[in-house]
Protein backbone atom coordinates (compact mmCIF):
# COMPACT_ATOMS: atom_id res chain seq x y z
CA UNK A 1 -5.57 14.05 -22.09
CA UNK A 2 -2.87 11.38 -22.09
CA UNK A 3 -2.85 8.17 -20.10
CA UNK A 4 -0.95 4.90 -19.90
CA UNK A 5 -2.99 2.31 -21.79
CA UNK A 6 -2.54 -1.46 -22.11
CA UNK A 7 -3.59 -2.44 -25.65
CA UNK A 8 -2.44 -6.03 -25.03
CA UNK A 9 -1.28 -7.62 -21.76
CA UNK A 10 2.42 -8.36 -21.52
CA UNK A 11 5.73 -7.10 -20.18
CA UNK A 12 6.59 -3.49 -19.30
CA UNK A 13 6.68 -2.66 -23.03
CA UNK A 14 2.90 -3.25 -23.10
CA UNK A 15 2.40 0.14 -21.38
CA UNK A 16 1.59 2.79 -23.98
CA UNK A 17 1.34 6.56 -23.36
CA UNK A 18 -1.60 7.50 -25.56
CA UNK A 19 -4.21 10.21 -26.08
CA UNK A 20 -7.57 9.24 -24.55
CA UNK A 21 -10.87 11.02 -23.75
CA UNK A 22 -10.99 13.21 -20.67
CA UNK A 23 -12.95 11.71 -17.76
CA UNK A 24 -15.97 13.57 -16.42
CA UNK A 25 -16.84 13.65 -12.73
CA UNK A 26 -20.14 11.99 -11.89
CA UNK A 27 -22.37 12.64 -8.93
CA UNK A 28 -20.32 12.64 -5.74
CA UNK A 29 -17.03 12.83 -7.65
CA UNK A 30 -14.36 15.42 -8.37
CA UNK A 31 -11.97 15.67 -11.31
CA UNK A 32 -8.31 15.74 -10.27
CA UNK A 33 -5.55 17.06 -12.49
CA UNK A 34 -2.84 14.55 -11.68
CA UNK A 35 0.61 15.64 -10.56
CA UNK A 36 1.93 12.18 -9.71
CA UNK A 37 0.88 8.58 -9.24
CA UNK A 38 2.69 5.65 -7.61
CA UNK A 39 3.45 2.15 -8.82
CA UNK A 40 1.95 -0.80 -6.92
CA UNK A 41 2.34 -4.52 -7.55
CA UNK A 42 -1.33 -4.64 -8.47
CA UNK A 43 -0.44 -2.48 -11.48
CA UNK A 44 2.06 -5.10 -12.62
CA UNK A 45 -0.64 -7.77 -12.40
CA UNK A 46 -3.07 -5.60 -14.36
CA UNK A 47 -0.45 -5.05 -17.07
CA UNK A 48 0.02 -8.81 -17.31
CA UNK A 49 -3.72 -9.38 -17.70
CA UNK A 50 -4.27 -10.96 -14.26
CA UNK A 51 -6.04 -8.18 -12.34
CA UNK A 52 -8.82 -6.34 -14.13
CA UNK A 53 -10.23 -3.12 -12.63
CA UNK A 54 -13.54 -3.42 -10.76
CA UNK A 55 -16.70 -2.78 -12.83
CA UNK A 56 -17.12 0.93 -13.55
CA UNK A 57 -13.52 1.84 -12.69
CA UNK A 58 -11.08 3.50 -15.06
CA UNK A 59 -9.37 0.98 -17.39
CA UNK A 60 -5.98 2.62 -16.85
CA UNK A 61 -3.63 1.40 -14.09
CA UNK A 62 -2.85 3.43 -11.00
CA UNK A 63 -4.36 2.99 -7.52
CA UNK A 64 -3.38 6.36 -6.04
CA UNK A 65 -2.44 9.84 -7.12
CA UNK A 66 -1.84 13.40 -6.03
CA UNK A 67 -2.85 16.59 -7.79
CA UNK A 68 -5.23 19.53 -7.80
CA UNK A 69 -9.01 19.55 -8.06
CA UNK A 70 -10.00 20.80 -11.52
CA UNK A 71 -13.79 20.31 -11.36
CA UNK A 72 -16.44 19.51 -8.75
CA UNK A 73 -19.26 17.10 -9.56
CA UNK A 74 -22.80 17.44 -8.26
CA UNK A 75 -23.48 16.54 -4.65
CA UNK A 76 -19.93 17.27 -3.48
CA UNK A 77 -19.24 19.62 -0.58
CA UNK A 78 -16.17 20.45 1.46
CA UNK A 79 -13.80 20.67 -1.51
CA UNK A 80 -12.95 23.50 -3.91
CA UNK A 81 -11.35 23.83 -7.33
CA UNK A 82 -7.61 24.27 -6.83
CA UNK A 83 -7.38 22.24 -3.61
CA UNK A 84 -4.23 20.11 -3.43
CA UNK A 85 -5.25 16.53 -2.73
CA UNK A 86 -4.17 12.92 -2.87
CA UNK A 87 -6.58 10.10 -3.52
CA UNK A 88 -7.21 6.39 -3.22
CA UNK A 89 -8.30 5.05 -6.60
CA UNK A 90 -9.80 1.91 -8.12
CA UNK A 91 -7.80 2.74 -11.27
CA UNK A 92 -6.83 5.63 -13.52
CA UNK A 93 -3.86 7.09 -11.67
CA UNK A 94 -1.53 6.69 -14.67
CA UNK A 95 -3.16 9.62 -16.45
CA UNK A 96 -3.20 13.39 -16.62
CA UNK A 97 -6.72 13.52 -15.12
CA UNK A 98 -8.87 11.15 -13.06
CA UNK A 99 -12.38 11.24 -11.61
CA UNK A 100 -12.43 10.37 -7.90
CA UNK A 101 -15.26 9.74 -5.42
CA UNK A 102 -15.09 12.58 -2.90
CA UNK A 103 -14.95 10.10 -0.03
CA UNK A 104 -11.61 8.81 -1.31
CA UNK A 105 -9.92 12.22 -1.27
CA UNK A 106 -7.42 13.41 1.32
CA UNK A 107 -5.87 16.86 1.64
CA UNK A 108 -2.14 16.99 1.04
CA UNK A 109 -0.65 17.12 4.54
CA UNK A 110 0.85 20.44 5.58
CA UNK A 111 4.48 20.79 4.53
CA UNK A 112 4.49 17.79 2.20
CA UNK A 113 5.55 18.10 -1.44
CA UNK A 114 2.61 17.52 -3.81
CA UNK A 115 4.36 14.81 -5.82
CA UNK A 116 5.43 12.86 -2.73
CA UNK A 117 1.86 12.87 -1.44
CA UNK A 118 1.09 10.37 -4.21
CA UNK A 119 3.08 7.79 -2.24
CA UNK A 120 0.63 7.83 0.67
CA UNK A 121 -2.99 6.82 -0.07
CA UNK A 122 -2.71 3.15 -1.05
CA UNK A 123 -0.08 2.16 1.49
CA UNK A 124 -1.55 4.12 4.39
CA UNK A 125 -5.07 2.83 3.75
CA UNK A 126 -3.79 -0.74 3.38
CA UNK A 127 -1.72 -0.66 6.56
CA UNK A 128 -4.24 1.19 8.68
CA UNK A 129 -7.18 -0.99 7.65
CA UNK A 130 -5.35 -4.28 8.13
CA UNK A 131 -2.97 -3.71 11.03
CA UNK A 132 -5.14 -1.41 13.11
CA UNK A 133 -8.81 -1.66 12.06
CA UNK A 134 -8.81 -5.47 11.61
CA UNK A 135 -5.82 -6.85 13.56
CA UNK A 136 -6.01 -4.18 16.30
CA UNK A 137 -2.27 -3.80 16.93
CA UNK A 138 -1.76 -2.38 20.43
CA UNK A 139 1.12 -0.61 22.21
CA UNK A 140 3.71 -3.07 23.47
CA UNK A 141 2.76 -5.81 20.99
CA UNK A 142 5.10 -7.21 18.34
CA UNK A 143 4.33 -6.70 14.64
CA UNK A 144 6.09 -8.84 12.03
CA UNK A 145 6.18 -7.20 8.59
CA UNK A 146 7.21 -9.27 5.59
CA UNK A 147 8.83 -7.14 2.90
CA UNK A 148 9.83 -4.43 5.35
CA UNK A 149 11.54 -2.28 2.70
CA UNK A 150 8.51 -2.15 0.37
CA UNK A 151 6.11 0.77 0.22
CA UNK A 152 3.70 -1.11 2.51
CA UNK A 153 6.53 -2.20 4.79
CA UNK A 154 8.12 1.21 5.24
CA UNK A 155 4.73 2.65 6.17
CA UNK A 156 3.86 -0.23 8.53
CA UNK A 157 7.12 0.23 10.41
CA UNK A 158 6.46 3.92 10.99
CA UNK A 159 2.82 3.57 12.02
CA UNK A 160 3.56 0.68 14.38
CA UNK A 161 6.41 2.64 15.95
CA UNK A 162 4.10 5.64 16.40
CA UNK A 163 1.70 3.57 18.52
CA UNK A 164 4.46 2.03 20.62
CA UNK A 165 4.72 -1.46 19.11
CA UNK A 166 7.85 -3.55 18.63
CA UNK A 167 8.59 -4.23 14.95
CA UNK A 168 10.21 -7.22 13.27
CA UNK A 169 10.85 -7.13 9.53
CA UNK A 170 12.05 -9.47 6.83
CA UNK A 171 14.01 -8.23 3.82
CA UNK A 172 16.44 -9.68 1.30
CA UNK A 173 19.59 -7.61 1.84
CA UNK A 174 21.55 -5.96 4.62
CA UNK A 175 21.09 -2.57 2.97
CA UNK A 176 17.31 -2.96 2.97
CA UNK A 177 17.40 -4.04 6.60
CA UNK A 178 19.51 -1.00 7.45
CA UNK A 179 16.90 1.27 5.90
CA UNK A 180 14.17 -0.51 7.90
CA UNK A 181 16.16 0.06 11.09
CA UNK A 182 16.41 3.77 10.30
CA UNK A 183 12.61 3.89 10.15
CA UNK A 184 12.26 2.19 13.53
CA UNK A 185 12.38 -1.58 12.99
CA UNK A 186 13.72 -3.44 16.04
CA UNK A 187 14.22 -7.02 14.80
CA UNK A 188 15.99 -7.35 11.44
CA UNK A 189 15.74 -10.64 9.56
CA UNK A 190 17.44 -11.45 6.26
CA UNK A 191 15.03 -14.02 4.83
CA UNK A 192 17.75 -15.32 2.48
CA UNK A 193 19.95 -16.33 5.41
CA UNK A 194 17.74 -16.59 8.51
CA UNK A 195 14.56 -18.36 9.61
CA UNK A 196 12.07 -15.70 10.63
CA UNK A 197 10.24 -18.11 12.97
CA UNK A 198 13.42 -18.75 14.93
CA UNK A 199 14.52 -15.11 14.94
CA UNK A 200 11.19 -13.68 16.09
CA UNK A 201 10.82 -16.27 18.83
CA UNK A 202 14.35 -15.57 20.01
CA UNK A 203 13.75 -11.82 20.11
CA UNK A 204 10.43 -12.16 21.97
CA UNK A 205 11.52 -14.75 24.59
CA UNK A 206 9.55 -17.43 22.79
CA UNK A 207 6.27 -15.51 22.64
CA UNK A 208 6.14 -14.82 18.90
CA UNK A 209 4.43 -12.09 16.89
CA UNK A 210 1.10 -10.67 17.99
CA UNK A 211 0.32 -9.38 14.49
CA UNK A 212 1.79 -10.37 11.13
CA UNK A 213 1.37 -8.32 7.95
CA UNK A 214 2.00 -10.79 5.13
CA UNK A 215 2.41 -10.17 1.41
CA UNK A 216 3.51 -13.72 0.53
CA UNK A 217 0.42 -15.85 1.03
CA UNK A 218 0.80 -19.61 0.59
CA UNK A 219 4.60 -19.83 0.85
CA UNK A 220 4.65 -18.37 4.36
CA UNK A 221 1.31 -19.66 5.68
CA UNK A 222 2.60 -22.55 7.80
CA UNK A 223 5.53 -20.59 9.24
CA UNK A 224 3.34 -17.56 9.91
CA UNK A 225 0.99 -19.70 12.00
CA UNK A 226 3.95 -21.22 13.84
CA UNK A 227 5.40 -17.83 14.74
CA UNK A 228 2.09 -16.30 15.87
CA UNK A 229 1.76 -15.59 19.59
CA UNK A 230 -1.23 -16.82 21.57
CA UNK A 231 -4.20 -14.68 20.46
CA UNK A 232 -2.13 -13.61 17.44
CA UNK A 233 -3.58 -12.16 14.25
CA UNK A 234 -2.32 -12.88 10.73
CA UNK A 235 -3.31 -10.32 8.08
CA UNK A 236 -2.71 -11.54 4.53
CA UNK A 237 -2.63 -8.82 1.87
CA UNK A 238 -0.72 -10.47 -1.00
CA UNK A 239 -0.03 -13.67 -2.89
CA UNK A 240 3.56 -13.23 -4.08
CA UNK A 241 4.30 -16.70 -2.69
CA UNK A 242 1.31 -18.48 -4.21
CA UNK A 243 -2.41 -18.88 -3.61
CA UNK A 244 -2.81 -22.38 -2.13
CA UNK A 245 -1.25 -23.54 1.13
CA UNK A 246 -1.91 -26.09 3.85
CA UNK A 247 -3.32 -24.70 7.10
CA UNK A 248 -2.75 -26.45 10.44
CA UNK A 249 -6.09 -25.70 12.07
CA UNK A 250 -5.00 -27.47 15.24
CA UNK A 251 -2.12 -25.02 15.68
CA UNK A 252 -4.46 -22.12 15.00
CA UNK A 253 -6.97 -23.37 17.58
CA UNK A 254 -4.27 -23.98 20.17
CA UNK A 255 -3.15 -20.38 19.86
CA UNK A 256 -6.69 -18.97 19.68
CA UNK A 257 -5.37 -17.11 16.65
CA UNK A 258 -7.12 -15.45 13.72
CA UNK A 259 -6.40 -15.06 10.02
CA UNK A 260 -7.82 -12.28 7.85
CA UNK A 261 -7.31 -11.74 4.14
CA UNK A 262 -8.27 -8.53 2.36
CA UNK A 263 -7.81 -6.56 -0.82
CA UNK A 264 -8.49 -2.84 -0.99
CA UNK A 265 -9.23 -2.17 -4.65
CA UNK A 266 -12.52 -4.07 -4.92
CA UNK A 267 -14.02 -2.92 -1.62
CA UNK A 268 -17.35 -1.07 -1.82
CA UNK A 269 -17.27 2.70 -1.86
CA UNK A 270 -18.66 2.98 1.66
CA UNK A 271 -15.87 0.79 3.06
CA UNK A 272 -13.18 2.78 1.28
CA UNK A 273 -14.76 6.01 2.51
CA UNK A 274 -14.66 4.74 6.10
CA UNK A 275 -11.01 3.72 5.77
CA UNK A 276 -10.03 7.07 4.26
CA UNK A 277 -11.86 8.91 7.06
CA UNK A 278 -10.02 6.84 9.69
CA UNK A 279 -6.69 7.55 7.99
CA UNK A 280 -7.40 11.27 7.93
CA UNK A 281 -8.26 11.22 11.64
CA UNK A 282 -5.45 9.01 12.92
CA UNK A 283 -2.58 9.12 10.43
CA UNK A 284 -2.69 12.57 8.84
CA UNK A 285 -1.66 14.35 12.08
CA UNK A 286 1.39 12.07 12.26
CA UNK A 287 2.34 12.95 8.67
CA UNK A 288 1.78 16.67 9.23
CA UNK A 289 3.94 16.46 12.37
CA UNK A 290 6.77 14.69 10.55
CA UNK A 291 6.51 11.47 12.59
CA UNK A 292 5.46 9.50 9.52
CA UNK A 293 6.91 10.24 6.08
CA UNK A 294 6.43 8.75 2.62
CA UNK A 295 9.54 6.84 1.58
CA UNK A 296 10.19 7.49 -2.12
CA UNK A 297 12.90 5.62 -3.98
CA UNK A 298 12.71 7.56 -7.23
CA UNK A 299 10.49 9.68 -9.48
CA UNK A 300 10.08 8.69 -13.14
CA UNK A 301 8.19 10.55 -15.89
CA UNK A 302 4.75 9.01 -16.30
CA UNK A 303 5.16 8.43 -20.02
CA UNK A 304 8.07 6.11 -19.11
CA UNK A 305 5.95 3.88 -16.88
CA UNK A 306 7.67 0.82 -18.37
CA UNK A 307 10.90 1.79 -16.61
CA UNK A 308 9.07 2.15 -13.31
CA UNK A 309 7.55 -1.31 -13.70
CA UNK A 310 10.99 -2.77 -14.36
CA UNK A 311 12.28 -1.14 -11.17
CA UNK A 312 9.53 -2.82 -9.15
CA UNK A 313 10.09 -6.17 -10.83
CA UNK A 314 13.82 -6.01 -10.07
CA UNK A 315 12.96 -5.45 -6.37
CA UNK A 316 16.00 -3.28 -5.75
CA UNK A 317 14.00 -0.30 -4.54
CA UNK A 318 13.12 0.84 -1.02
CA UNK A 319 9.70 2.42 -0.50
CA UNK A 320 7.66 3.78 -3.39
CA UNK A 321 8.38 4.51 -7.04
CA UNK A 322 6.48 7.54 -8.35
CA UNK A 323 5.27 8.42 -11.84
CA UNK A 324 5.33 12.18 -12.34
CA UNK A 325 3.35 14.11 -14.94
CA UNK A 326 5.79 16.49 -16.68
């Protein structure tokens, strides 16, 4: 088969479409013939040499894919050769085939195009696990999403709207904010021109945000704590704004607030299996019913993954960028 390899870390040109050995499904795994994968910022870090796959994972980038089951490993039940699926991966999505633990498989939702299903697993599992399983967003609460036009952001807006929450988003252009509003965002904040602390407080009569989904890390830490409501929950899922910040513990105590920080890729298999099962139970009916949709900016041939990485680095996209196997 062919896969995107990284012979030496570097810029987008470091991604090489090369012939590699076919993977074989182990016990509890299935082999998926890949139709499409999606580009995540973790892939950019891996390409640069800053984010190695977990031990035992495929060396190729790609944290999600869609396709058809080509082979069933021992100990797997409930799936058949030919089933259309999408999958959460620890790596290997940028390839024509990938071996996947059966617990990380999801059926392609009814009525959804197979390629577009590749835009779902990573973002849905990230949002559901952090916003709902950890931060316990409830109807009527306010969710602040940083990077509202990203793949994570566009999914968070839709899922929060589906449960009856109020949604505030930050984004860097009026066009991106317009797209967020179309998905259901209520409070639109241009972070280049406005202070999100001031804007969220104004829109919530001084209360603040009950839950914050943050991809920035250190840069936003102090302001995130300031804008949290009493009993608020800050979920940190990224470090685009740095890794070290100063935390005002007094402010956190005064608000009886909580901070969580998670990554999905390195979680144990049993935790990923539990998240995928929760997503299938709670989110898949919303997707099948058309209330939640994958937002796809563009589809690019997988062998041209370098172009897709440049698109993400330019940050002009809205939603997900897909890599499609010809």
